Amino acid sequence: MEKDSLNQVGSAPFQSSVLLSLFSGTKRINDKARRLEQEKRIIRLKKGLYVRSADDGATLSLPLIANHLYGPSYVSMHTALRHYGLIPERVYEIQSLTIKHSRNFDTPLGLFSYHQCDVGY
C-alpha cells in the first residue's frame, strides 16, 4: 500500500502535511520525507513543499510548480514569451511576477525567479 500512496497526490506540489495524511502510521514525517527523497520518489522544492519525482511517474508542470513555490505570482516575461513561441531563445529559468518582494529559488528542477511589480491602484 505504501508504494501506491504517493499516486494520490498527482503531479501538483504538496506540503508535508499531505505526507502526514498519506503515511499516517509514521511518527516522524520529516524522516519519512528524507527517505522518500533519497529513494528519488519526491523532490524537495523548499522547506515543507514537495513534488513527486518524474522518475516516479509524475508529469511535472514547471509553471504550476512556480505558482505554488511563491505566491501570489504568475509566470510571465521570457518564460511566457517562449511558451507561446514569440521568441526563439531557450529560457533557462522560470520567471514570474509577484506583488511580494523579489526572490529566487534554486531547486533540483531549475531556477525560479520572482520579480516584484507595482500594483497601481
PDB file of N, CA and C in Angstrom:
ATOM      1  N   MET A   1       0.824  -1.195   0.000  1.00  0.00           N
ATOM      2  CA  MET A   1       0.000   0.000   0.000  1.00  0.00           C
ATOM      3  C   MET A   1       0.868   1.260   0.000  1.00  0.00           C
ATOM      4  N   GLU A   2       1.972   1.247   0.747  1.00  0.00           N
ATOM      5  CA  GLU A   2       2.807   2.435   0.859  1.00  0.00           C
ATOM      6  C   GLU A   2       3.362   2.858  -0.493  1.00  0.00           C
ATOM      7  N   LYS A   3       3.678   1.906  -1.345  1.00  0.00           N
ATOM      8  CA  LYS A   3       4.243   2.201  -2.648  1.00  0.00           C
ATOM      9  C   LYS A   3       3.267   3.021  -3.501  1.00  0.00           C
ATOM     10  N   ASP A   4       1.971   2.778  -3.354  1.00  0.00           N
ATOM     11  CA  ASP A   4       0.955   3.459  -4.147  1.00  0.00           C
ATOM     12  C   ASP A   4       0.457   4.747  -3.502  1.00  0.00           C
ATOM     13  N   SER A   5       0.827   5.033  -2.289  1.00  0.00           N
ATOM     14  CA  SER A   5       0.291   6.192  -1.574  1.00  0.00           C
ATOM     15  C   SER A   5       0.588   7.505  -2.284  1.00  0.00           C
ATOM     16  N   LEU A   6       1.764   7.662  -2.841  1.00  0.00           N
ATOM     17  CA  LEU A   6       2.125   8.911  -3.496  1.00  0.00           C
ATOM     18  C   LEU A   6       1.340   9.153  -4.781  1.00  0.00           C
ATOM     19  N   ASN A   7       0.787   8.101  -5.377  1.00  0.00           N
ATOM     20  CA  ASN A   7      -0.009   8.279  -6.588  1.00  0.00           C
ATOM     21  C   ASN A   7      -1.225   9.158  -6.337  1.00  0.00           C
ATOM     22  N   GLN A   8      -1.670   9.224  -5.107  1.00  0.00           N
ATOM     23  CA  GLN A   8      -2.845  10.016  -4.761  1.00  0.00           C
ATOM     24  C   GLN A   8      -2.615  11.517  -4.899  1.00  0.00           C
ATOM     25  N   VAL A   9      -1.373  11.971  -4.799  1.00  0.00           N
ATOM     26  CA  VAL A   9      -1.112  13.412  -4.859  1.00  0.00           C
ATOM     27  C   VAL A   9      -1.016  13.928  -6.285  1.00  0.00           C
ATOM     28  N   GLY A  10      -0.858  13.063  -7.255  1.00  0.00           N
ATOM     29  CA  GLY A  10      -0.748  13.509  -8.637  1.00  0.00           C
ATOM     30  C   GLY A  10       0.560  14.227  -8.892  1.00  0.00           C
ATOM     31  N   SER A  11       0.518  15.229  -9.759  1.00  0.00           N
ATOM     32  CA  SER A  11       1.756  15.916 -10.122  1.00  0.00           C
ATOM     33  C   SER A  11       1.823  17.342  -9.561  1.00  0.00           C
ATOM     34  N   ALA A  12       0.851  17.745  -8.778  1.00  0.00           N
ATOM     35  CA  ALA A  12       0.859  19.081  -8.177  1.00  0.00           C
ATOM     36  C   ALA A  12       1.775  19.104  -6.954  1.00  0.00           C
ATOM     37  N   PRO A  13       2.403  20.237  -6.680  1.00  0.00           N
ATOM     38  CA  PRO A  13       3.210  20.350  -5.459  1.00  0.00           C
ATOM     39  C   PRO A  13       2.328  20.161  -4.225  1.00  0.00           C
ATOM     40  N   PHE A  14       2.914  19.604  -3.177  1.00  0.00           N
ATOM     41  CA  PHE A  14       2.160  19.351  -1.953  1.00  0.00           C
ATOM     42  C   PHE A  14       3.016  19.655  -0.744  1.00  0.00           C
ATOM     43  N   GLN A  15       2.349  19.917   0.367  1.00  0.00           N
ATOM     44  CA  GLN A  15       3.035  20.243   1.615  1.00  0.00           C
ATOM     45  C   GLN A  15       3.281  18.983   2.425  1.00  0.00           C
ATOM     46  N   SER A  16       4.139  19.105   3.425  1.00  0.00           N
ATOM     47  CA  SER A  16       4.477  17.950   4.247  1.00  0.00           C
ATOM     48  C   SER A  16       3.263  17.413   5.003  1.00  0.00           C
ATOM     49  N   SER A  17       2.249  18.246   5.232  1.00  0.00           N
ATOM     50  CA  SER A  17       1.036  17.772   5.902  1.00  0.00           C
ATOM     51  C   SER A  17       0.323  16.712   5.062  1.00  0.00           C
ATOM     52  N   VAL A  18       0.478  16.765   3.753  1.00  0.00           N
ATOM     53  CA  VAL A  18      -0.103  15.746   2.875  1.00  0.00           C
ATOM     54  C   VAL A  18       0.614  14.416   3.111  1.00  0.00           C
ATOM     55  N   LEU A  19       1.930  14.464   3.277  1.00  0.00           N
ATOM     56  CA  LEU A  19       2.675  13.236   3.583  1.00  0.00           C
ATOM     57  C   LEU A  19       2.191  12.635   4.898  1.00  0.00           C
ATOM     58  N   LEU A  20       1.908  13.511   5.851  1.00  0.00           N
ATOM     59  CA  LEU A  20       1.423  13.040   7.150  1.00  0.00           C
ATOM     60  C   LEU A  20       0.092  12.306   7.003  1.00  0.00           C
ATOM     61  N   SER A  21      -0.782  12.784   6.131  1.00  0.00           N
ATOM     62  CA  SER A  21      -2.060  12.109   5.941  1.00  0.00           C
ATOM     63  C   SER A  21      -1.902  10.823   5.121  1.00  0.00           C
ATOM     64  N   LEU A  22      -0.951  10.797   4.194  1.00  0.00           N
ATOM     65  CA  LEU A  22      -0.731   9.597   3.381  1.00  0.00           C
ATOM     66  C   LEU A  22      -0.070   8.475   4.170  1.00  0.00           C
ATOM     67  N   PHE A  23       0.852   8.854   5.029  1.00  0.00           N
ATOM     68  CA  PHE A  23       1.606   7.874   5.828  1.00  0.00           C
ATOM     69  C   PHE A  23       1.274   8.095   7.293  1.00  0.00           C
ATOM     70  N   SER A  24       0.023   7.872   7.655  1.00  0.00           N
ATOM     71  CA  SER A  24      -0.471   8.191   8.998  1.00  0.00           C
ATOM     72  C   SER A  24       0.212   7.373  10.095  1.00  0.00           C
ATOM     73  N   GLY A  25       0.777   6.244   9.759  1.00  0.00           N
ATOM     74  CA  GLY A  25       1.457   5.428  10.761  1.00  0.00           C
ATOM     75  C   GLY A  25       2.854   5.920  11.081  1.00  0.00           C
ATOM     76  N   THR A  26       3.323   6.909  10.361  1.00  0.00           N
ATOM     77  CA  THR A  26       4.671   7.448  10.558  1.00  0.00           C
ATOM     78  C   THR A  26       4.654   8.525  11.626  1.00  0.00           C
ATOM     79  N   LYS A  27       5.539   8.385  12.613  1.00  0.00           N
ATOM     80  CA  LYS A  27       5.593   9.358  13.702  1.00  0.00           C
ATOM     81  C   LYS A  27       6.473  10.547  13.353  1.00  0.00           C
ATOM     82  N   ARG A  28       7.531  10.321  12.590  1.00  0.00           N
ATOM     83  CA  ARG A  28       8.459  11.388  12.249  1.00  0.00           C
ATOM     84  C   ARG A  28       8.390  11.632  10.745  1.00  0.00           C
ATOM     85  N   ILE A  29       7.516  12.547  10.360  1.00  0.00           N
ATOM     86  CA  ILE A  29       7.241  12.767   8.945  1.00  0.00           C
ATOM     87  C   ILE A  29       8.436  13.370   8.211  1.00  0.00           C
ATOM     88  N   ASN A  30       9.270  14.148   8.899  1.00  0.00           N
ATOM     89  CA  ASN A  30      10.460  14.706   8.247  1.00  0.00           C
ATOM     90  C   ASN A  30      11.443  13.608   7.867  1.00  0.00           C
ATOM     91  N   ASP A  31      11.576  12.591   8.712  1.00  0.00           N
ATOM     92  CA  ASP A  31      12.432  11.455   8.379  1.00  0.00           C
ATOM     93  C   ASP A  31      11.869  10.695   7.184  1.00  0.00           C
ATOM     94  N   LYS A  32      10.555  10.553   7.148  1.00  0.00           N
ATOM     95  CA  LYS A  32       9.899   9.870   6.032  1.00  0.00           C
ATOM     96  C   LYS A  32      10.134  10.660   4.734  1.00  0.00           C
ATOM     97  N   ALA A  33      10.021  11.975   4.802  1.00  0.00           N
ATOM     98  CA  ALA A  33      10.250  12.818   3.625  1.00  0.00           C
ATOM     99  C   ALA A  33      11.688  12.677   3.135  1.00  0.00           C
ATOM    100  N   ARG A  34      12.649  12.668   4.045  1.00  0.00           N
ATOM    101  CA  ARG A  34      14.061  12.481   3.658  1.00  0.00           C
ATOM    102  C   ARG A  34      14.290  11.136   2.989  1.00  0.00           C
ATOM    103  N   ARG A  35      13.634  10.109   3.526  1.00  0.00           N
ATOM    104  CA  ARG A  35      13.756   8.771   2.948  1.00  0.00           C
ATOM    105  C   ARG A  35      13.171   8.732   1.529  1.00  0.00           C
ATOM    106  N   LEU A  36      12.023   9.352   1.350  1.00  0.00           N
ATOM    107  CA  LEU A  36      11.406   9.402   0.024  1.00  0.00           C
ATOM    108  C   LEU A  36      12.267  10.203  -0.957  1.00  0.00           C
ATOM    109  N   GLU A  37      12.943  11.226  -0.460  1.00  0.00           N
ATOM    110  CA  GLU A  37      13.878  11.992  -1.294  1.00  0.00           C
ATOM    111  C   GLU A  37      15.062  11.124  -1.719  1.00  0.00           C
ATOM    112  N   GLN A  38      15.627  10.393  -0.772  1.00  0.00           N
ATOM    113  CA  GLN A  38      16.763   9.531  -1.074  1.00  0.00           C
ATOM    114  C   GLN A  38      16.397   8.436  -2.068  1.00  0.00           C
ATOM    115  N   GLU A  39      15.162   7.972  -1.996  1.00  0.00           N
ATOM    116  CA  GLU A  39      14.677   6.956  -2.936  1.00  0.00           C
ATOM    117  C   GLU A  39      14.279   7.565  -4.276  1.00  0.00           C
ATOM    118  N   LYS A  40      14.424   8.894  -4.388  1.00  0.00           N
ATOM    119  CA  LYS A  40      14.082   9.641  -5.605  1.00  0.00           C
ATOM    120  C   LYS A  40      12.614   9.511  -5.979  1.00  0.00           C
ATOM    121  N   ARG A  41      11.745   9.453  -4.967  1.00  0.00           N
ATOM    122  CA  ARG A  41      10.297   9.387  -5.204  1.00  0.00           C
ATOM    123  C   ARG A  41       9.656  10.758  -5.089  1.00  0.00           C
ATOM    124  N   ILE A  42      10.286  11.666  -4.324  1.00  0.00           N
ATOM    125  CA  ILE A  42       9.816  13.041  -4.239  1.00  0.00           C
ATOM    126  C   ILE A  42      11.003  13.984  -4.379  1.00  0.00           C
ATOM    127  N   ILE A  43      10.703  15.230  -4.723  1.00  0.00           N
ATOM    128  CA  ILE A  43      11.719  16.273  -4.846  1.00  0.00           C
ATOM    129  C   ILE A  43      11.330  17.388  -3.892  1.00  0.00           C
ATOM    130  N   ARG A  44      12.287  17.828  -3.092  1.00  0.00           N
ATOM    131  CA  ARG A  44      12.049  18.934  -2.154  1.00  0.00           C
ATOM    132  C   ARG A  44      12.268  20.236  -2.907  1.00  0.00           C
ATOM    133  N   LEU A  45      11.235  21.073  -2.959  1.00  0.00           N
ATOM    134  CA  LEU A  45      11.335  22.363  -3.631  1.00  0.00           C
ATOM    135  C   LEU A  45      11.817  23.444  -2.668  1.00  0.00           C
ATOM    136  N   LYS A  46      11.281  23.433  -1.478  1.00  0.00           N
ATOM    137  CA  LYS A  46      11.694  24.299  -0.373  1.00  0.00           C
ATOM    138  C   LYS A  46      11.183  23.644   0.899  1.00  0.00           C
ATOM    139  N   LYS A  47      11.509  24.217   2.044  1.00  0.00           N
ATOM    140  CA  LYS A  47      11.104  23.613   3.315  1.00  0.00           C
ATOM    141  C   LYS A  47       9.590  23.395   3.341  1.00  0.00           C
ATOM    142  N   GLY A  48       9.191  22.136   3.470  1.00  0.00           N
ATOM    143  CA  GLY A  48       7.783  21.792   3.598  1.00  0.00           C
ATOM    144  C   GLY A  48       7.008  21.682   2.293  1.00  0.00           C
ATOM    145  N   LEU A  49       7.659  21.886   1.139  1.00  0.00           N
ATOM    146  CA  LEU A  49       6.972  21.803  -0.151  1.00  0.00           C
ATOM    147  C   LEU A  49       7.693  20.800  -1.047  1.00  0.00           C
ATOM    148  N   TYR A  50       6.932  19.851  -1.561  1.00  0.00           N
ATOM    149  CA  TYR A  50       7.487  18.753  -2.349  1.00  0.00           C
ATOM    150  C   TYR A  50       6.665  18.544  -3.614  1.00  0.00           C
ATOM    151  N   VAL A  51       7.235  17.782  -4.524  1.00  0.00           N
ATOM    152  CA  VAL A  51       6.529  17.343  -5.721  1.00  0.00           C
ATOM    153  C   VAL A  51       6.996  15.920  -5.996  1.00  0.00           C
ATOM    154  N   ARG A  52       6.097  15.119  -6.567  1.00  0.00           N
ATOM    155  CA  ARG A  52       6.506  13.763  -6.934  1.00  0.00           C
ATOM    156  C   ARG A  52       7.574  13.820  -8.002  1.00  0.00           C
ATOM    157  N   SER A  53       8.465  12.882  -7.976  1.00  0.00           N
ATOM    158  CA  SER A  53       9.538  12.820  -8.954  1.00  0.00           C
ATOM    159  C   SER A  53       9.006  12.323 -10.293  1.00  0.00           C
ATOM    160  N   ALA A  54       9.563  12.847 -11.375  1.00  0.00           N
ATOM    161  CA  ALA A  54       9.196  12.364 -12.711  1.00  0.00           C
ATOM    162  C   ALA A  54       9.600  10.901 -12.854  1.00  0.00           C
ATOM    163  N   ASP A  55      10.625  10.473 -12.100  1.00  0.00           N
ATOM    164  CA  ASP A  55      11.040   9.060 -12.104  1.00  0.00           C
ATOM    165  C   ASP A  55       9.955   8.172 -11.511  1.00  0.00           C
ATOM    166  N   ASP A  56       9.088   8.775 -10.703  1.00  0.00           N
ATOM    167  CA  ASP A  56       8.019   8.030 -10.036  1.00  0.00           C
ATOM    168  C   ASP A  56       6.720   8.068 -10.844  1.00  0.00           C
ATOM    169  N   GLY A  57       6.796   8.545 -12.086  1.00  0.00           N
ATOM    170  CA  GLY A  57       5.633   8.530 -12.965  1.00  0.00           C
ATOM    171  C   GLY A  57       4.845   9.821 -13.033  1.00  0.00           C
ATOM    172  N   ALA A  58       5.283  10.874 -12.367  1.00  0.00           N
ATOM    173  CA  ALA A  58       4.557  12.144 -12.393  1.00  0.00           C
ATOM    174  C   ALA A  58       4.968  12.964 -13.611  1.00  0.00           C
ATOM    175  N   THR A  59       4.018  13.657 -14.205  1.00  0.00           N
ATOM    176  CA  THR A  59       4.298  14.608 -15.276  1.00  0.00           C
ATOM    177  C   THR A  59       4.355  15.981 -14.627  1.00  0.00           C
ATOM    178  N   LEU A  60       5.534  16.584 -14.656  1.00  0.00           N
ATOM    179  CA  LEU A  60       5.732  17.835 -13.931  1.00  0.00           C
ATOM    180  C   LEU A  60       5.444  19.037 -14.813  1.00  0.00           C
ATOM    181  N   SER A  61       4.719  20.013 -14.267  1.00  0.00           N
ATOM    182  CA  SER A  61       4.422  21.267 -14.945  1.00  0.00           C
ATOM    183  C   SER A  61       5.186  22.367 -14.221  1.00  0.00           C
ATOM    184  N   LEU A  62       6.231  22.884 -14.853  1.00  0.00           N
ATOM    185  CA  LEU A  62       7.037  23.912 -14.203  1.00  0.00           C
ATOM    186  C   LEU A  62       6.244  25.193 -13.914  1.00  0.00           C
ATOM    187  N   PRO A  63       5.342  25.640 -14.801  1.00  0.00           N
ATOM    188  CA  PRO A  63       4.538  26.813 -14.438  1.00  0.00           C
ATOM    189  C   PRO A  63       3.647  26.565 -13.208  1.00  0.00           C
ATOM    190  N   LEU A  64       3.088  25.384 -13.088  1.00  0.00           N
ATOM    191  CA  LEU A  64       2.274  25.054 -11.915  1.00  0.00           C
ATOM    192  C   LEU A  64       3.137  25.062 -10.653  1.00  0.00           C
ATOM    193  N   ILE A  65       4.317  24.495 -10.762  1.00  0.00           N
ATOM    194  CA  ILE A  65       5.244  24.487  -9.627  1.00  0.00           C
ATOM    195  C   ILE A  65       5.628  25.917  -9.257  1.00  0.00           C
ATOM    196  N   ALA A  66       5.877  26.762 -10.256  1.00  0.00           N
ATOM    197  CA  ALA A  66       6.236  28.162  -9.998  1.00  0.00           C
ATOM    198  C   ALA A  66       5.142  28.882  -9.226  1.00  0.00           C
ATOM    199  N   ASN A  67       3.891  28.620  -9.572  1.00  0.00           N
ATOM    200  CA  ASN A  67       2.780  29.285  -8.891  1.00  0.00           C
ATOM    201  C   ASN A  67       2.628  28.820  -7.449  1.00  0.00           C
ATOM    202  N   HIS A  68       3.003  27.580  -7.141  1.00  0.00           N
ATOM    203  CA  HIS A  68       2.920  27.071  -5.770  1.00  0.00           C
ATOM    204  C   HIS A  68       4.139  27.470  -4.934  1.00  0.00           C
ATOM    205  N   LEU A  69       5.268  27.647  -5.583  1.00  0.00           N
ATOM    206  CA  LEU A  69       6.518  27.902  -4.877  1.00  0.00           C
ATOM    207  C   LEU A  69       6.521  29.248  -4.161  1.00  0.00           C
ATOM    208  N   TYR A  70       5.940  30.270  -4.789  1.00  0.00           N
ATOM    209  CA  TYR A  70       5.935  31.615  -4.200  1.00  0.00           C
ATOM    210  C   TYR A  70       4.728  32.356  -4.761  1.00  0.00           C
ATOM    211  N   GLY A  71       3.839  32.710  -3.900  1.00  0.00           N
ATOM    212  CA  GLY A  71       2.632  33.349  -4.407  1.00  0.00           C
ATOM    213  C   GLY A  71       2.167  34.460  -3.506  1.00  0.00           C
ATOM    214  N   PRO A  72       1.292  35.280  -3.989  1.00  0.00           N
ATOM    215  CA  PRO A  72       0.686  35.189  -5.317  1.00  0.00           C
ATOM    216  C   PRO A  72       1.682  35.605  -6.395  1.00  0.00           C
ATOM    217  N   SER A  73       1.672  34.865  -7.479  1.00  0.00           N
ATOM    218  CA  SER A  73       2.564  35.146  -8.595  1.00  0.00           C
ATOM    219  C   SER A  73       1.971  34.551  -9.861  1.00  0.00           C
ATOM    220  N   TYR A  74       2.507  34.985 -11.001  1.00  0.00           N
ATOM    221  CA  TYR A  74       2.110  34.377 -12.263  1.00  0.00           C
ATOM    222  C   TYR A  74       3.306  34.340 -13.199  1.00  0.00           C
ATOM    223  N   VAL A  75       3.397  33.284 -13.967  1.00  0.00           N
ATOM    224  CA  VAL A  75       4.501  33.094 -14.896  1.00  0.00           C
ATOM    225  C   VAL A  75       4.394  34.160 -15.978  1.00  0.00           C
ATOM    226  N   SER A  76       5.506  34.801 -16.280  1.00  0.00           N
ATOM    227  CA  SER A  76       5.494  35.922 -17.199  1.00  0.00           C
ATOM    228  C   SER A  76       6.855  36.067 -17.878  1.00  0.00           C
ATOM    229  N   MET A  77       7.061  37.178 -18.489  1.00  0.00           N
ATOM    230  CA  MET A  77       8.303  37.623 -19.104  1.00  0.00           C
ATOM    231  C   MET A  77       8.818  36.612 -20.129  1.00  0.00           C
ATOM    232  N   HIS A  78      10.106  36.332 -20.117  1.00  0.00           N
ATOM    233  CA  HIS A  78      10.694  35.459 -21.137  1.00  0.00           C
ATOM    234  C   HIS A  78      10.082  34.061 -21.137  1.00  0.00           C
ATOM    235  N   THR A  79       9.704  33.583 -19.981  1.00  0.00           N
ATOM    236  CA  THR A  79       9.115  32.247 -19.897  1.00  0.00           C
ATOM    237  C   THR A  79       7.810  32.178 -20.690  1.00  0.00           C
ATOM    238  N   ALA A  80       6.965  33.159 -20.530  1.00  0.00           N
ATOM    239  CA  ALA A  80       5.698  33.190 -21.262  1.00  0.00           C
ATOM    240  C   ALA A  80       5.936  33.413 -22.750  1.00  0.00           C
ATOM    241  N   LEU A  81       6.856  34.299 -23.084  1.00  0.00           N
ATOM    242  CA  LEU A  81       7.151  34.554 -24.499  1.00  0.00           C
ATOM    243  C   LEU A  81       7.643  33.282 -25.187  1.00  0.00           C
ATOM    244  N   ARG A  82       8.488  32.529 -24.527  1.00  0.00           N
ATOM    245  CA  ARG A  82       8.994  31.282 -25.100  1.00  0.00           C
ATOM    246  C   ARG A  82       7.889  30.233 -25.218  1.00  0.00           C
ATOM    247  N   HIS A  83       7.043  30.146 -24.196  1.00  0.00           N
ATOM    248  CA  HIS A  83       5.951  29.178 -24.199  1.00  0.00           C
ATOM    249  C   HIS A  83       5.037  29.387 -25.409  1.00  0.00           C
ATOM    250  N   TYR A  84       4.771  30.638 -25.754  1.00  0.00           N
ATOM    251  CA  TYR A  84       3.885  30.937 -26.879  1.00  0.00           C
ATOM    252  C   TYR A  84       4.624  31.081 -28.210  1.00  0.00           C
ATOM    253  N   GLY A  85       5.919  30.758 -28.223  1.00  0.00           N
ATOM    254  CA  GLY A  85       6.679  30.762 -29.466  1.00  0.00           C
ATOM    255  C   GLY A  85       6.985  32.141 -30.011  1.00  0.00           C
ATOM    256  N   LEU A  86       6.973  33.152 -29.159  1.00  0.00           N
ATOM    257  CA  LEU A  86       7.218  34.510 -29.611  1.00  0.00           C
ATOM    258  C   LEU A  86       8.695  34.882 -29.631  1.00  0.00           C
ATOM    259  N   ILE A  87       9.521  34.088 -28.972  1.00  0.00           N
ATOM    260  CA  ILE A  87      10.974  34.269 -29.046  1.00  0.00           C
ATOM    261  C   ILE A  87      11.602  32.908 -29.316  1.00  0.00           C
ATOM    262  N   PRO A  88      12.684  32.873 -30.089  1.00  0.00           N
ATOM    263  CA  PRO A  88      13.306  31.583 -30.415  1.00  0.00           C
ATOM    264  C   PRO A  88      14.291  31.084 -29.360  1.00  0.00           C
ATOM    265  N   GLU A  89      14.724  31.964 -28.468  1.00  0.00           N
ATOM    266  CA  GLU A  89      15.747  31.596 -27.499  1.00  0.00           C
ATOM    267  C   GLU A  89      15.228  30.605 -26.473  1.00  0.00           C
ATOM    268  N   ARG A  90      16.141  29.817 -25.973  1.00  0.00           N
ATOM    269  CA  ARG A  90      15.804  28.916 -24.879  1.00  0.00           C
ATOM    270  C   ARG A  90      15.817  29.701 -23.570  1.00  0.00           C
ATOM    271  N   VAL A  91      14.902  29.398 -22.687  1.00  0.00           N
ATOM    272  CA  VAL A  91      14.808  30.084 -21.403  1.00  0.00           C
ATOM    273  C   VAL A  91      15.289  29.125 -20.331  1.00  0.00           C
ATOM    274  N   TYR A  92      16.233  29.586 -19.515  1.00  0.00           N
ATOM    275  CA  TYR A  92      16.861  28.713 -18.527  1.00  0.00           C
ATOM    276  C   TYR A  92      16.307  28.864 -17.113  1.00  0.00           C
ATOM    277  N   GLU A  93      15.357  29.756 -16.943  1.00  0.00           N
ATOM    278  CA  GLU A  93      14.728  29.904 -15.639  1.00  0.00           C
ATOM    279  C   GLU A  93      13.256  30.231 -15.846  1.00  0.00           C
ATOM    280  N   ILE A  94      12.461  29.863 -14.867  1.00  0.00           N
ATOM    281  CA  ILE A  94      11.043  30.187 -14.895  1.00  0.00           C
ATOM    282  C   ILE A  94      10.895  31.552 -14.234  1.00  0.00           C
ATOM    283  N   GLN A  95      10.443  32.530 -14.991  1.00  0.00           N
ATOM    284  CA  GLN A  95      10.316  33.890 -14.483  1.00  0.00           C
ATOM    285  C   GLN A  95       8.855  34.200 -14.192  1.00  0.00           C
ATOM    286  N   SER A  96       8.632  34.780 -13.040  1.00  0.00           N
ATOM    287  CA  SER A  96       7.277  35.139 -12.623  1.00  0.00           C
ATOM    288  C   SER A  96       7.262  36.542 -12.055  1.00  0.00           C
ATOM    289  N   LEU A  97       6.080  37.136 -12.060  1.00  0.00           N
ATOM    290  CA  LEU A  97       5.874  38.431 -11.425  1.00  0.00           C
ATOM    291  C   LEU A  97       5.065  38.219 -10.155  1.00  0.00           C
ATOM    292  N   THR A  98       5.330  39.053  -9.160  1.00  0.00           N
ATOM    293  CA  THR A  98       4.651  38.945  -7.879  1.00  0.00           C
ATOM    294  C   THR A  98       4.474  40.334  -7.280  1.00  0.00           C
ATOM    295  N   ILE A  99       3.518  40.472  -6.386  1.00  0.00           N
ATOM    296  CA  ILE A  99       3.365  41.736  -5.664  1.00  0.00           C
ATOM    297  C   ILE A  99       4.202  41.724  -4.385  1.00  0.00           C
ATOM    298  N   LYS A 100       4.771  40.580  -4.061  1.00  0.00           N
ATOM    299  CA  LYS A 100       5.641  40.464  -2.893  1.00  0.00           C
ATOM    300  C   LYS A 100       7.067  40.849  -3.292  1.00  0.00           C
ATOM    301  N   HIS A 101       8.006  40.673  -2.385  1.00  0.00           N
ATOM    302  CA  HIS A 101       9.401  41.000  -2.656  1.00  0.00           C
ATOM    303  C   HIS A 101       9.990  40.040  -3.690  1.00  0.00           C
ATOM    304  N   SER A 102      10.932  40.528  -4.474  1.00  0.00           N
ATOM    305  CA  SER A 102      11.629  39.693  -5.454  1.00  0.00           C
ATOM    306  C   SER A 102      12.379  38.584  -4.739  1.00  0.00           C
ATOM    307  N   ARG A 103      12.427  37.433  -5.379  1.00  0.00           N
ATOM    308  CA  ARG A 103      13.053  36.272  -4.745  1.00  0.00           C
ATOM    309  C   ARG A 103      13.463  35.251  -5.797  1.00  0.00           C
ATOM    310  N   ASN A 104      14.470  34.443  -5.504  1.00  0.00           N
ATOM    311  CA  ASN A 104      14.899  33.346  -6.369  1.00  0.00           C
ATOM    312  C   ASN A 104      14.895  32.046  -5.589  1.00  0.00           C
ATOM    313  N   PHE A 105      14.537  30.964  -6.275  1.00  0.00           N
ATOM    314  CA  PHE A 105      14.603  29.623  -5.697  1.00  0.00           C
ATOM    315  C   PHE A 105      15.384  28.749  -6.663  1.00  0.00           C
ATOM    316  N   ASP A 106      16.475  28.189  -6.188  1.00  0.00           N
ATOM    317  CA  ASP A 106      17.266  27.255  -6.987  1.00  0.00           C
ATOM    318  C   ASP A 106      16.906  25.853  -6.523  1.00  0.00           C
ATOM    319  N   THR A 107      16.135  25.140  -7.330  1.00  0.00           N
ATOM    320  CA  THR A 107      15.638  23.817  -6.966  1.00  0.00           C
ATOM    321  C   THR A 107      16.271  22.766  -7.863  1.00  0.00           C
ATOM    322  N   PRO A 108      16.090  21.490  -7.538  1.00  0.00           N
ATOM    323  CA  PRO A 108      16.584  20.433  -8.431  1.00  0.00           C
ATOM    324  C   PRO A 108      15.913  20.459  -9.816  1.00  0.00           C
ATOM    325  N   LEU A 109      14.777  21.148  -9.931  1.00  0.00           N
ATOM    326  CA  LEU A 109      14.075  21.243 -11.214  1.00  0.00           C
ATOM    327  C   LEU A 109      14.504  22.460 -12.019  1.00  0.00           C
ATOM    328  N   GLY A 110      15.278  23.345 -11.424  1.00  0.00           N
ATOM    329  CA  GLY A 110      15.746  24.536 -12.120  1.00  0.00           C
ATOM    330  C   GLY A 110      15.597  25.782 -11.263  1.00  0.00           C
ATOM    331  N   LEU A 111      15.900  26.924 -11.893  1.00  0.00           N
ATOM    332  CA  LEU A 111      15.852  28.202 -11.194  1.00  0.00           C
ATOM    333  C   LEU A 111      14.497  28.854 -11.430  1.00  0.00           C
ATOM    334  N   PHE A 112      13.897  29.304 -10.352  1.00  0.00           N
ATOM    335  CA  PHE A 112      12.631  30.016 -10.398  1.00  0.00           C
ATOM    336  C   PHE A 112      12.895  31.414  -9.864  1.00  0.00           C
ATOM    337  N   SER A 113      12.628  32.449 -10.668  1.00  0.00           N
ATOM    338  CA  SER A 113      12.854  33.815 -10.210  1.00  0.00           C
ATOM    339  C   SER A 113      11.534  34.577 -10.209  1.00  0.00           C
ATOM    340  N   TYR A 114      11.369  35.386  -9.174  1.00  0.00           N
ATOM    341  CA  TYR A 114      10.160  36.161  -8.965  1.00  0.00           C
ATOM    342  C   TYR A 114      10.553  37.618  -8.871  1.00  0.00           C
ATOM    343  N   HIS A 115       9.923  38.449  -9.675  1.00  0.00           N
ATOM    344  CA  HIS A 115      10.238  39.864  -9.732  1.00  0.00           C
ATOM    345  C   HIS A 115       9.044  40.670  -9.247  1.00  0.00           C
ATOM    346  N   GLN A 116       9.316  41.611  -8.341  1.00  0.00           N
ATOM    347  CA  GLN A 116       8.240  42.424  -7.782  1.00  0.00           C
ATOM    348  C   GLN A 116       7.738  43.410  -8.829  1.00  0.00           C
ATOM    349  N   CYS A 117       6.436  43.512  -8.937  1.00  0.00           N
ATOM    350  CA  CYS A 117       5.843  44.518  -9.806  1.00  0.00           C
ATOM    351  C   CYS A 117       4.909  45.379  -8.969  1.00  0.00           C
ATOM    352  N   ASP A 118       4.867  46.638  -9.293  1.00  0.00           N
ATOM    353  CA  ASP A 118       3.998  47.563  -8.557  1.00  0.00           C
ATOM    354  C   ASP A 118       2.568  47.413  -9.044  1.00  0.00           C
ATOM    355  N   VAL A 119       1.667  47.444  -8.104  1.00  0.00           N
ATOM    356  CA  VAL A 119       0.245  47.404  -8.432  1.00  0.00           C
ATOM    357  C   VAL A 119      -0.250  48.840  -8.330  1.00  0.00           C
ATOM    358  N   GLY A 120      -0.585  49.421  -9.443  1.00  0.00           N
ATOM    359  CA  GLY A 120      -1.016  50.817  -9.437  1.00  0.00           C
ATOM    360  C   GLY A 120      -2.511  50.954  -9.349  1.00  0.00           C
ATOM    361  N   TYR A 121      -3.001  51.089  -8.143  1.00  0.00           N
ATOM    362  CA  TYR A 121      -4.444  51.284  -7.961  1.00  0.00           C
ATOM    363  C   TYR A 121      -4.758  52.750  -7.884  1.00  0.00           C
TER     364      TYR A 121
END
